[in-house]
Every structure is written in structure tokens, then in C-alpha cells.
Amino acid sequence: MDRYGLWINGEFTESKRNEWFETRNPADQSVIARVARGRGEDVDAAVKAAKSAFESDGWQNMHPAERGRILLRASELIRRDRDELALLETMDNGKPLNQARTDIEVSARYFEYYAGVADKILGETIPVSPGYIDFTQREPFGVCGLIIPWNYPMQVAARTAAPALAAGNTVVLKPAEETPLTALKLGVLLKEAGLPDGAFNVVPGFGVEAGAALAAHSGIDHLSFTGSVPVGTEVMTSAAKNIVPVTLELGGKSPNIVFADADLEEAVRWVVNSIIQNAGQTCSAGSRLLVERSVHDQLVSMVKDRMESLTVGPGINNPDMGPIISEKQLNTVLRYISLAEEEGAEILTGGSRLEEGELAKGYFVQPTLLDHVPRGCRVATEEIFGPVLSTLVFDEVDEAISIANETPYGLVTGIHTRDLSKALTVAKKVRSGQVFINTYGAGGGVEMPFGGYGKSGFGREKGLEALLHFTQLKNVLIRYGSSLA
């Protein structure tokens, strides 16, 4: 398909102004497709479709088990079309094909997981007083606005839409303008699975137009945003004007803390993978390496060797690392690398744009390892969103904890040690929404609550916890005492 319309009320449609924009492959800047450019009036149409679908008997009042069956069929259809979807994700985003295939499988798993809990959203009974029965029940909000980023387009669409739909909400999703294609394909698959028209809508377009209109729309009952802190602040401000609850998953500057007693070879594997996955363009990227001084030289040498062995190229060739998403983001990464030298850090490997042969057409940068990074400097505390790893040294456990907490973020922490007591001590004291011990991730983490402390946002996605954030609680009290006899 060389043109994609808006997906509203179960069909593709042109934007009200009949405007289009191009989405390009960051590996060579080639045009993949023209996409309808949604604006405020298109968001309004999508919200109305979602509101109608919610208020009818077609979705929120459908038996929860049937909702689950539809979501399960969606997961099966995603797996059926996984090769097509993975290729589309690779072309649109640039990530290596194997990573895209993993993303598609994780997306299917989200629908599979939440299909299984659609009829298990439970309330509680509360003892109040003799003659009374008090209970709670969880109900859908209504129309959920979902604004998702370009780094994991299909996966984040699934991780937000699946629990929202399982709880009985309807959805208006605004994908990133850089990567709208798999979200639009998801609309087609959900319709094929049996989702009622209007229950899932996709309005591609630019953030300042479609995204801003969705965040500020008075017809939205809940808003979920994944992206940067500055845009998250704007989204929350817009939602506040309508008193709309918000779930925010924002940035990160996550550390891998490696103690001297760790299995260093295993630690290196996780350290490198966590910074080069999706070219480091991941909110949960392990972008800081905190290493105990006695093994600093050995570990850093091992990381350097592993980084220098990586292949970089177009995602379709399935290298270890693909391109940066855009020229703008590439320039941001390169500016931070220059800043690192100004701040006194040493570039041990990488640090430059790759422009040889076929790479000259795309936005490629070398995996970069910074050493002797001063505490508190910008490359040690700010999110770069690229394959740049900052190394800091510690001597004691308390110092490692202090450095780990020395950013405004708190999304993920990796701890590498054979001493479980030490690991749990650090896990308790780091300000982080997720902690991994002797690993860094677990197959997409569909079952594990995900969210952050501080400027990494609030609310939780993934796991059963996500359902708490896509439902609102109602309390019901019944008096049945003798005076009513």
C-alpha cells in the first residue's frame, strides 16, 4: 500500500482537509508511503466514533468473555501476519529485522495476555457494619486517548490498546508521525478479529496538530502518553484543563550497576544489549554503566571489545544495530558526544557518524562508549536516546546507590552481583520502577508492571497493574437490615 488513510469507525478515510505526509525509511531516506495528515477536526471525528461505540451495546456491555475472545483472535492475526508487520516496522523505524520480529511477537502477547483477564477484572467486598454489604467494582473510563512514540510503534500500540480494550474502553490512538504504519495495520486486524467499528481508531499526523488536539479534547475520558518529558508536560497540562486522568511513561537514564563479584561476561552481554537495542532509542535503555573500581579496567575493556564487534546497517540486512530514526535525532546524539568531551569524558570507541557506502544515505552512528564520566555532568544525567554508554566508577555499595539515584529519572535499574543480599539492598534503595538482577529485561516483560519514579512518569503499564489504570473504581453500599423487613 502506498497510501494510508485515517482509520476511523472501522474504515480508512481521508483527512477532512485531504492532506498527506510522507513516512521515510531512516536507513536510506526513501519514501515508504503517503499517510493522511490528521488534524483537530479528524481527532474530533475519531473521538465521536469511539464515544458512540462505547455508549452502544457493542463493546462496554459485551460479555467480558467475548471481549477476551476478540482480543485473542487479534493476537492470532498478528502472529499470522508477523512477517509482513515486522518488515513494515523495520522499513518505517529502521530497527533490525530480528528486533522487529520480536516486537511483533510481544505485541501479539499483549493481546493474548489481556484477552485472558478480560473476564477477571474483580472488585472487593468491604466489612462496614452489621446490616450492610459494601462492595467495589471496576468500570471502564470510556474513550481512552493513546499517544505513542516512534521507537516501538507496534509494541506500544499493543501494550496500551490491549488493556484499555480488555477493560471495556474504546480507543483513539495517535501514532508518531515518523512511524504510523503498523498502528494503522493494527486497526485492520482488530476489525477482522471482530472488534466493533469505532472501538479502535487511529489518527496519524503531527504531534503539534493531531497529538495536541487529542490531549486537549473534552471527549476523552483517560489519556495515556509515552514520550519525552517536555511533551509529557504539555500533554498533562492539556488534560488537566478537562480534569482527565493521565498515565505518563516518559524518559530514563537507567544504570547497570556491576559489582566486582559479578559474572563479568554475562554482565557485559546485558550491558551492551541494553544500550544498542533499537540503536539506544529506548526509554529503558541501560545508558549508564556503574562499575566497581577493582574491575573497572577489565569490564570496560570487555564492553569496548563487544561494541567494536557489532555490525551496523540497514534493518533489512538484520545487523546488530540499525539507524537513528531521523536527522534531527542523529544530530542530538552527536551533540551529546561532543559535549561529553567538553565535560571531561573520554571516548573509548565510536563517537562518529557512519557515512561509508550505503550508510551514507541514512542516519547511522557508531555504538559509543564513554569512560571517566564526571558525576553530575549532562551526559551522566540527561537522556541522550542513542547508543551512547556513560561509564562511572564507585567504591562502595552506598556510593553505587547514590550515583544510581543521581538523575531526575527512575525507570529501570540493572544490578549484577552474585551476592543476593547486596542485590536486594540496592534494589530496595534505588528509586526505580523496575529492577533487574543479573539480567536486563525478560522477553518484553508483558506480565511485569512498568513505569517510573520522578520524571520517568507515573502510573503503570503492563501486567495486571495496567488494568487498574484503565478502569475507575465504584463503591456500592447496600443496607439490608431488619428495619427494611
Protein backbone atom coordinates (compact mmCIF):
# COMPACT_ATOMS: atom_id res chain seq x y z
CA MET A 1 0.00 0.00 0.00
CA ASP A 2 1.48 3.37 -0.99
CA ARG A 3 -1.20 5.46 0.75
CA TYR A 4 -2.75 5.06 4.20
CA GLY A 5 -5.80 6.99 5.32
CA LEU A 6 -7.03 7.65 8.83
CA TRP A 7 -8.59 4.61 10.49
CA ILE A 8 -11.92 5.84 11.87
CA ASN A 9 -15.07 3.88 12.62
CA GLY A 10 -13.71 0.70 11.09
CA GLU A 11 -12.51 2.01 7.73
CA PHE A 12 -9.80 4.03 6.04
CA THR A 13 -10.80 7.59 5.26
CA GLU A 14 -9.10 10.73 4.02
CA SER A 15 -8.48 13.62 6.38
CA LYS A 16 -11.01 16.43 6.38
CA ARG A 17 -8.54 18.68 4.56
CA ASN A 18 -7.31 15.89 2.29
CA GLU A 19 -3.71 16.49 3.40
CA TRP A 20 -0.92 13.90 3.31
CA PHE A 21 2.61 13.48 4.62
CA GLU A 22 5.40 11.05 3.78
CA THR A 23 6.93 8.44 6.04
CA ARG A 24 10.53 7.52 5.20
CA ASN A 25 12.97 4.70 5.87
CA PRO A 26 15.72 6.12 8.13
CA ALA A 27 18.22 3.68 6.59
CA ASP A 28 18.19 5.44 3.21
CA GLN A 29 15.57 8.24 3.44
CA SER A 30 13.42 6.54 0.80
CA VAL A 31 9.68 7.22 0.89
CA ILE A 32 7.68 4.21 2.10
CA ALA A 33 4.16 5.62 1.90
CA ARG A 34 1.97 8.70 1.97
CA VAL A 35 -0.18 8.96 5.07
CA ALA A 36 -3.26 11.06 5.81
CA ARG A 37 -2.39 14.09 7.93
CA GLY A 38 -4.89 14.24 10.75
CA ARG A 39 -5.77 17.48 12.49
CA GLY A 40 -8.18 18.60 15.17
CA GLU A 41 -11.33 18.00 13.13
CA ASP A 42 -10.17 14.45 12.36
CA VAL A 43 -9.46 13.80 16.02
CA ASP A 44 -12.96 15.05 16.76
CA ALA A 45 -14.44 12.57 14.27
CA ALA A 46 -12.45 9.72 15.82
CA VAL A 47 -13.50 10.66 19.36
CA LYS A 48 -17.15 10.77 18.30
CA ALA A 49 -16.81 7.33 16.71
CA ALA A 50 -15.19 5.98 19.87
CA LYS A 51 -17.83 7.59 22.08
CA SER A 52 -20.63 6.08 20.00
CA ALA A 53 -19.01 2.64 20.13
CA PHE A 54 -18.61 2.92 23.90
CA GLU A 55 -22.16 4.06 24.59
CA SER A 56 -23.76 1.40 22.38
CA ASP A 57 -24.17 -2.20 23.44
CA GLY A 58 -21.37 -3.15 21.08
CA TRP A 59 -18.36 -3.04 23.41
CA GLN A 60 -18.57 -1.96 27.03
CA ASN A 61 -21.72 -4.03 27.56
CA MET A 62 -20.43 -7.01 25.62
CA HIS A 63 -19.87 -10.05 27.82
CA PRO A 64 -16.26 -9.76 29.11
CA ALA A 65 -15.50 -13.30 27.92
CA GLU A 66 -16.50 -12.31 24.38
CA ARG A 67 -14.26 -9.25 24.57
CA GLY A 68 -11.50 -11.62 25.55
CA ARG A 69 -12.20 -13.90 22.60
CA ILE A 70 -11.95 -10.96 20.18
CA LEU A 71 -8.61 -9.90 21.67
CA LEU A 72 -7.36 -13.47 21.46
CA ARG A 73 -8.29 -13.59 17.77
CA ALA A 74 -6.38 -10.34 17.33
CA SER A 75 -3.26 -11.95 18.79
CA GLU A 76 -3.65 -14.86 16.37
CA LEU A 77 -3.99 -12.50 13.41
CA ILE A 78 -0.90 -10.55 14.45
CA ARG A 79 1.05 -13.79 14.50
CA ARG A 80 -0.43 -14.78 11.15
CA ASP A 81 0.85 -11.56 9.58
CA ARG A 82 4.04 -11.30 11.64
CA ASP A 83 6.41 -11.33 8.66
CA GLU A 84 4.57 -8.52 6.90
CA LEU A 85 4.27 -6.50 10.11
CA ALA A 86 7.93 -7.00 11.04
CA LEU A 87 9.08 -5.89 7.60
CA LEU A 88 6.83 -2.83 7.78
CA GLU A 89 8.20 -1.98 11.24
CA THR A 90 11.78 -2.34 10.03
CA MET A 91 11.19 -0.13 7.00
CA ASP A 92 9.32 2.51 8.98
CA ASN A 93 11.50 2.59 12.10
CA GLY A 94 14.87 1.28 10.87
CA LYS A 95 15.40 -1.36 13.56
CA PRO A 96 16.99 -4.72 12.66
CA LEU A 97 14.54 -7.26 11.32
CA ASN A 98 15.09 -9.68 14.22
CA GLN A 99 14.23 -6.94 16.71
CA ALA A 100 11.13 -6.08 14.69
CA ARG A 101 10.06 -9.73 14.71
CA THR A 102 10.44 -9.77 18.48
CA ASP A 103 8.34 -6.61 18.73
CA ILE A 104 5.54 -8.20 16.70
CA GLU A 105 5.57 -11.33 18.86
CA VAL A 106 5.45 -9.19 22.02
CA SER A 107 2.54 -7.24 20.51
CA ALA A 108 0.66 -10.48 19.95
CA ARG A 109 1.45 -11.50 23.51
CA TYR A 110 -0.14 -8.30 24.87
CA PHE A 111 -3.44 -9.11 23.20
CA GLU A 112 -3.17 -12.73 24.29
CA TYR A 113 -2.40 -11.76 27.89
CA TYR A 114 -5.19 -9.22 28.27
CA ALA A 115 -7.64 -11.50 26.46
CA GLY A 116 -7.16 -13.89 29.35
CA VAL A 117 -8.04 -11.34 32.02
CA ALA A 118 -10.92 -9.51 30.33
CA ASP A 119 -13.42 -11.54 32.39
CA LYS A 120 -11.35 -11.44 35.58
CA ILE A 121 -11.42 -7.73 36.46
CA LEU A 122 -12.58 -8.10 40.03
CA GLY A 123 -13.89 -5.94 42.85
CA GLU A 124 -13.82 -6.48 46.62
CA THR A 125 -16.27 -6.74 49.50
CA ILE A 126 -15.61 -4.45 52.44
CA PRO A 127 -16.87 -5.11 56.00
CA VAL A 128 -18.69 -1.96 57.12
CA SER A 129 -21.33 -2.75 59.76
CA PRO A 130 -23.98 -5.38 60.51
CA GLY A 131 -26.88 -4.99 58.15
CA TYR A 132 -24.77 -3.61 55.33
CA ILE A 133 -22.96 -5.11 52.33
CA ASP A 134 -20.34 -2.93 50.69
CA PHE A 135 -18.52 -3.84 47.51
CA THR A 136 -16.43 -2.28 44.80
CA GLN A 137 -16.47 -2.80 41.04
CA ARG A 138 -14.14 -1.63 38.34
CA GLU A 139 -15.65 0.10 35.33
CA PRO A 140 -14.14 1.42 32.09
CA PHE A 141 -13.47 5.14 31.77
CA GLY A 142 -14.95 5.47 28.30
CA VAL A 143 -12.83 6.86 25.48
CA CYS A 144 -9.09 6.44 26.03
CA GLY A 145 -6.68 8.64 24.08
CA LEU A 146 -3.34 6.93 23.44
CA ILE A 147 -0.36 8.94 22.19
CA ILE A 148 2.57 6.67 21.37
CA PRO A 149 6.22 7.19 20.29
CA TRP A 150 8.24 6.15 17.26
CA ASN A 151 10.70 3.78 18.91
CA TYR A 152 8.37 0.79 19.44
CA PRO A 153 5.33 1.65 17.32
CA MET A 154 3.53 -1.69 17.21
CA GLN A 155 4.58 -2.83 20.66
CA VAL A 156 3.49 0.33 22.49
CA ALA A 157 0.25 0.46 20.50
CA ALA A 158 -0.49 -3.07 21.71
CA ARG A 159 0.60 -2.55 25.31
CA THR A 160 -1.74 0.43 25.69
CA ALA A 161 -4.66 -0.59 23.47
CA ALA A 162 -4.96 -4.21 24.66
CA PRO A 163 -5.61 -3.47 28.37
CA ALA A 164 -7.77 -0.46 27.51
CA LEU A 165 -9.98 -2.61 25.28
CA ALA A 166 -9.98 -5.56 27.69
CA ALA A 167 -11.42 -3.29 30.37
CA GLY A 168 -14.24 -2.19 28.04
CA ASN A 169 -12.89 1.18 26.95
CA THR A 170 -12.76 2.39 23.36
CA VAL A 171 -9.63 3.92 21.86
CA VAL A 172 -8.36 6.81 19.77
CA LEU A 173 -4.67 6.24 19.06
CA LYS A 174 -2.28 8.85 17.71
CA PRO A 175 0.94 7.22 16.43
CA ALA A 176 4.19 9.14 15.95
CA GLU A 177 4.40 10.86 12.57
CA GLU A 178 7.71 9.06 11.91
CA THR A 179 6.20 5.56 12.29
CA PRO A 180 2.42 5.39 11.73
CA LEU A 181 2.12 2.30 9.54
CA THR A 182 1.86 -0.70 11.89
CA ALA A 183 -0.68 1.10 14.10
CA LEU A 184 -2.88 1.56 11.04
CA LYS A 185 -2.44 -2.10 10.11
CA LEU A 186 -3.46 -2.99 13.67
CA GLY A 187 -6.80 -1.29 13.08
CA VAL A 188 -7.45 -3.57 10.11
CA LEU A 189 -6.54 -6.69 12.12
CA LEU A 190 -8.76 -5.71 15.06
CA LYS A 191 -11.71 -5.28 12.72
CA GLU A 192 -11.02 -8.70 11.23
CA ALA A 193 -10.91 -10.10 14.76
CA GLY A 194 -14.45 -8.86 15.38
CA LEU A 195 -13.90 -5.57 17.19
CA PRO A 196 -16.95 -3.32 16.68
CA ASP A 197 -16.49 -0.36 14.35
CA GLY A 198 -15.38 2.72 16.26
CA ALA A 199 -13.90 0.85 19.21
CA PHE A 200 -10.35 1.39 17.89
CA ASN A 201 -9.43 4.44 15.82
CA VAL A 202 -6.07 5.68 14.55
CA VAL A 203 -5.38 9.32 13.65
CA PRO A 204 -1.86 9.73 12.22
CA GLY A 205 -0.45 13.22 11.95
CA PHE A 206 1.95 15.61 13.63
CA GLY A 207 2.21 15.99 17.37
CA VAL A 208 1.52 19.71 17.42
CA GLU A 209 -1.65 19.12 15.40
CA ALA A 210 -3.27 15.72 15.95
CA GLY A 211 -1.46 14.93 19.21
CA ALA A 212 -2.22 18.28 20.80
CA ALA A 213 -5.85 18.07 19.69
CA LEU A 214 -6.26 14.62 21.22
CA ALA A 215 -4.66 15.63 24.53
CA ALA A 216 -6.95 18.66 24.81
CA HIS A 217 -10.17 17.03 23.59
CA SER A 218 -13.06 17.32 26.03
CA GLY A 219 -14.49 13.99 24.86
CA ILE A 220 -11.52 11.98 26.14
CA ASP A 221 -12.05 10.20 29.47
CA HIS A 222 -8.49 8.94 30.02
CA LEU A 223 -5.17 9.75 28.39
CA SER A 224 -2.02 7.65 28.10
CA PHE A 225 1.18 9.20 26.77
CA THR A 226 4.58 7.65 26.09
CA GLY A 227 7.36 10.01 25.04
CA SER A 228 9.63 12.81 26.21
CA VAL A 229 9.36 14.82 29.41
CA PRO A 230 8.73 18.20 27.68
CA VAL A 231 5.89 16.82 25.56
CA GLY A 232 4.55 14.83 28.51
CA THR A 233 4.35 18.06 30.48
CA GLU A 234 2.31 19.67 27.69
CA VAL A 235 0.03 16.64 27.45
CA MET A 236 -0.60 16.62 31.20
CA THR A 237 -1.30 20.36 31.17
CA SER A 238 -3.85 19.96 28.38
CA ALA A 239 -5.54 17.03 30.09
CA ALA A 240 -5.69 18.91 33.38
CA LYS A 241 -7.92 21.56 31.81
CA ASN A 242 -10.57 18.88 31.29
CA ILE A 243 -9.78 17.04 34.57
CA VAL A 244 -8.80 13.95 32.60
CA PRO A 245 -6.63 11.31 34.35
CA VAL A 246 -3.28 10.65 32.70
CA THR A 247 -0.77 7.81 32.61
CA LEU A 248 2.70 9.04 31.65
CA GLU A 249 5.65 6.88 30.63
CA LEU A 250 8.49 9.29 29.95
CA GLY A 251 12.27 9.25 29.78
CA GLY A 252 15.02 7.42 31.57
CA LYS A 253 18.72 7.38 32.36
CA SER A 254 18.89 3.83 33.60
CA PRO A 255 22.01 2.33 35.20
CA ASN A 256 23.56 -1.11 35.03
CA ILE A 257 25.43 -1.50 38.34
CA VAL A 258 28.21 -4.08 38.05
CA PHE A 259 29.92 -5.26 41.23
CA ALA A 260 33.32 -6.95 41.30
CA ASP A 261 31.80 -10.34 42.19
CA ALA A 262 29.51 -10.41 39.14
CA ASP A 263 29.81 -12.83 36.25
CA LEU A 264 31.51 -10.22 34.08
CA GLU A 265 30.99 -11.95 30.74
CA GLU A 266 27.29 -12.27 31.41
CA ALA A 267 27.09 -8.69 32.69
CA VAL A 268 28.78 -7.37 29.53
CA ARG A 269 26.20 -9.12 27.39
CA TRP A 270 23.33 -7.39 29.18
CA VAL A 271 25.11 -4.04 29.41
CA VAL A 272 25.78 -3.86 25.68
CA ASN A 273 22.41 -5.24 24.58
CA SER A 274 20.58 -2.74 26.77
CA ILE A 275 22.25 0.26 25.11
CA ILE A 276 22.32 -0.84 21.46
CA GLN A 277 18.81 -2.29 21.20
CA ASN A 278 16.85 -0.08 18.81
CA ALA A 279 20.04 1.99 18.47
CA GLY A 280 19.70 3.12 22.08
CA GLN A 281 16.41 4.84 21.28
CA THR A 282 14.65 3.29 24.24
CA CYS A 283 13.31 4.97 27.37
CA SER A 284 14.53 2.00 29.40
CA ALA A 285 17.96 1.81 27.74
CA GLY A 286 20.80 0.99 30.10
CA SER A 287 22.60 4.22 29.26
CA ARG A 288 24.82 4.35 32.36
CA LEU A 289 27.41 1.77 33.40
CA LEU A 290 28.29 1.96 37.10
CA VAL A 291 31.25 -0.32 37.75
CA GLU A 292 33.15 -1.18 40.94
CA ARG A 293 36.64 0.26 40.73
CA SER A 294 38.55 -3.01 41.17
CA VAL A 295 37.10 -4.45 37.93
CA HIS A 296 36.73 -1.18 36.02
CA ASP A 297 39.58 -1.67 33.58
CA GLN A 298 38.69 -5.30 32.86
CA LEU A 299 34.98 -4.70 32.40
CA VAL A 300 35.33 -1.56 30.30
CA SER A 301 37.81 -3.35 28.02
CA MET A 302 35.31 -6.18 27.56
CA VAL A 303 32.48 -3.75 26.78
CA LYS A 304 34.70 -1.91 24.30
CA ASP A 305 35.63 -5.14 22.50
CA ARG A 306 31.99 -6.22 22.28
CA MET A 307 30.86 -2.83 20.95
CA GLU A 308 33.58 -2.86 18.29
CA SER A 309 32.45 -6.29 17.11
CA LEU A 310 28.89 -5.12 16.39
CA THR A 311 27.53 -4.72 12.88
CA VAL A 312 25.65 -1.55 11.94
CA GLY A 313 23.50 -1.17 8.86
CA PRO A 314 20.01 -1.08 7.32
CA GLY A 315 17.50 -3.01 9.39
CA ILE A 316 16.51 -5.13 6.41
CA ASN A 317 20.02 -6.66 6.47
CA ASN A 318 19.44 -7.70 10.09
CA PRO A 319 22.58 -6.16 11.63
CA ASP A 320 23.18 -5.82 15.36
CA MET A 321 22.14 -2.17 15.21
CA GLY A 322 20.16 -0.08 12.74
CA PRO A 323 19.95 3.67 12.12
CA ILE A 324 18.82 6.58 14.24
CA ILE A 325 15.22 7.50 13.42
CA SER A 326 15.85 10.93 11.86
CA GLU A 327 18.45 13.55 11.06
CA LYS A 328 17.18 15.63 13.98
CA GLN A 329 17.73 12.80 16.47
CA LEU A 330 21.09 11.92 14.91
CA ASN A 331 22.28 15.49 15.43
CA THR A 332 21.10 15.36 19.05
CA VAL A 333 23.18 12.22 19.66
CA LEU A 334 26.25 13.73 18.00
CA ARG A 335 25.90 16.94 20.06
CA TYR A 336 25.89 14.92 23.28
CA ILE A 337 29.02 13.05 22.19
CA SER A 338 30.78 16.38 21.57
CA LEU A 339 29.52 17.64 24.92
CA ALA A 340 30.96 14.56 26.65
CA GLU A 341 34.48 15.54 25.60
CA GLU A 342 33.89 19.10 26.76
CA GLU A 343 32.78 17.76 30.14
CA GLY A 344 35.96 15.70 30.53
CA ALA A 345 34.79 12.25 29.47
CA GLU A 346 36.93 10.01 27.29
CA ILE A 347 35.55 8.39 24.11
CA LEU A 348 36.92 4.84 24.16
CA THR A 349 35.17 3.72 20.99
CA GLY A 350 32.67 5.10 18.50
CA GLY A 351 31.63 8.72 18.64
CA SER A 352 31.10 9.39 14.93
CA ARG A 353 28.51 9.21 12.22
CA LEU A 354 28.90 6.32 9.77
CA GLU A 355 28.82 7.56 6.18
CA GLU A 356 30.62 4.93 4.10
CA GLY A 357 28.94 3.21 1.15
CA GLU A 358 25.24 2.54 1.56
CA LEU A 359 25.31 4.00 5.07
CA ALA A 360 25.82 7.50 3.65
CA LYS A 361 22.12 7.68 2.75
CA GLY A 362 20.91 7.00 6.28
CA TYR A 363 21.25 8.17 9.86
CA PHE A 364 23.87 5.82 11.28
CA VAL A 365 26.12 6.39 14.26
CA GLN A 366 28.76 4.16 15.86
CA PRO A 367 27.99 2.48 19.20
CA THR A 368 29.81 4.80 21.60
CA LEU A 369 31.47 4.08 24.95
CA LEU A 370 32.35 6.99 27.24
CA ASP A 371 34.70 6.46 30.18
CA HIS A 372 35.78 8.59 33.16
CA VAL A 373 32.46 10.44 33.01
CA PRO A 374 32.30 13.02 35.83
CA ARG A 375 29.44 12.68 38.28
CA GLY A 376 26.65 15.17 37.77
CA CYS A 377 27.62 16.18 34.23
CA ARG A 378 25.00 16.28 31.48
CA VAL A 379 25.95 13.05 29.70
CA ALA A 380 25.71 11.32 33.08
CA THR A 381 22.28 12.65 33.96
CA GLU A 382 20.38 13.56 30.76
CA GLU A 383 18.66 11.19 28.34
CA ILE A 384 20.55 11.02 25.03
CA PHE A 385 18.30 8.50 23.24
CA GLY A 386 21.07 6.96 21.22
CA PRO A 387 23.73 4.20 21.50
CA VAL A 388 25.92 6.15 23.93
CA LEU A 389 27.02 4.48 27.17
CA SER A 390 28.41 6.62 30.03
CA THR A 391 30.73 4.85 32.50
CA LEU A 392 31.10 5.94 36.14
CA VAL A 393 33.12 4.30 38.93
CA PHE A 394 32.19 3.52 42.53
CA ASP A 395 33.97 2.01 45.53
CA GLU A 396 31.20 1.17 48.00
CA VAL A 397 27.61 -0.05 47.81
CA ASP A 398 26.24 3.21 49.19
CA GLU A 399 28.19 5.17 46.57
CA ALA A 400 26.72 3.00 43.81
CA ILE A 401 23.22 3.70 45.12
CA SER A 402 23.94 7.41 45.34
CA ILE A 403 25.17 7.57 41.73
CA ALA A 404 22.25 5.46 40.52
CA ASN A 405 19.81 7.95 42.06
CA GLU A 406 21.70 10.97 40.71
CA THR A 407 19.30 11.76 37.85
CA PRO A 408 15.77 13.17 37.68
CA TYR A 409 14.62 9.83 36.22
CA GLY A 410 13.83 6.46 37.75
CA LEU A 411 12.67 3.90 35.21
CA VAL A 412 14.90 0.79 35.27
CA THR A 413 17.96 -0.41 37.19
CA GLY A 414 20.14 -3.42 36.41
CA ILE A 415 22.17 -4.97 39.26
CA HIS A 416 24.90 -7.53 38.56
CA THR A 417 26.33 -9.47 41.51
CA ARG A 418 26.49 -12.99 42.93
CA ASP A 419 25.65 -11.62 46.39
CA LEU A 420 21.85 -11.74 46.70
CA SER A 421 21.87 -9.77 49.97
CA LYS A 422 23.79 -6.97 48.28
CA ALA A 423 21.50 -7.08 45.26
CA LEU A 424 18.34 -6.79 47.36
CA THR A 425 19.84 -3.98 49.43
CA VAL A 426 20.49 -1.99 46.28
CA ALA A 427 17.09 -2.92 44.82
CA LYS A 428 15.40 -1.53 47.93
CA LYS A 429 17.24 1.80 47.83
CA VAL A 430 17.30 2.71 44.15
CA ARG A 431 14.47 4.96 43.00
CA SER A 432 13.38 2.91 40.04
CA GLY A 433 10.10 1.45 38.78
CA GLN A 434 11.73 -1.78 37.64
CA VAL A 435 14.82 -3.56 38.95
CA PHE A 436 16.54 -6.46 37.17
CA ILE A 437 19.11 -8.59 38.97
CA ASN A 438 21.69 -10.40 36.80
CA THR A 439 19.63 -9.64 33.71
CA TYR A 440 18.09 -6.64 31.96
CA GLY A 441 14.62 -7.47 30.69
CA ALA A 442 12.60 -10.61 30.19
CA GLY A 443 11.10 -11.19 26.75
CA GLY A 444 9.22 -7.91 26.52
CA GLY A 445 8.08 -8.04 30.13
CA VAL A 446 4.39 -8.24 29.22
CA GLU A 447 3.45 -9.55 32.66
CA MET A 448 5.59 -7.14 34.72
CA PRO A 449 4.28 -3.69 35.77
CA PHE A 450 6.24 -0.95 34.04
CA GLY A 451 6.56 2.72 34.92
CA GLY A 452 8.83 5.14 36.66
CA TYR A 453 9.74 7.39 39.53
CA GLY A 454 10.39 11.11 39.22
CA LYS A 455 10.45 12.49 35.68
CA SER A 456 10.08 9.00 34.25
CA GLY A 457 6.36 9.50 34.80
CA PHE A 458 3.57 7.95 36.84
CA GLY A 459 1.00 5.22 36.54
CA ARG A 460 1.88 1.72 35.42
CA GLU A 461 1.57 -0.20 32.18
CA LYS A 462 1.95 -3.92 31.52
CA GLY A 463 0.81 -6.75 33.77
CA LEU A 464 -2.41 -6.79 35.77
CA GLU A 465 -1.47 -3.42 37.21
CA ALA A 466 -2.28 -1.76 33.87
CA LEU A 467 -5.95 -2.66 34.29
CA LEU A 468 -6.09 -0.53 37.45
CA HIS A 469 -5.10 2.48 35.34
CA PHE A 470 -7.65 1.79 32.59
CA THR A 471 -10.58 1.41 34.99
CA GLN A 472 -12.23 3.59 37.61
CA LEU A 473 -13.47 2.31 40.95
CA LYS A 474 -17.10 2.44 42.04
CA ASN A 475 -18.22 1.67 45.59
CA VAL A 476 -21.72 0.28 46.22
CA LEU A 477 -23.32 0.04 49.70
CA ILE A 478 -26.48 -1.97 50.39
CA ARG A 479 -28.49 -1.74 53.63
CA TYR A 480 -30.46 -4.91 54.24
CA GLY A 481 -31.16 -4.62 57.99
CA SER A 482 -34.34 -5.55 59.89
CA SER A 483 -35.85 -2.06 59.50
CA LEU A 484 -36.37 -2.83 55.80
CA ALA A 485 -38.32 -6.06 56.53
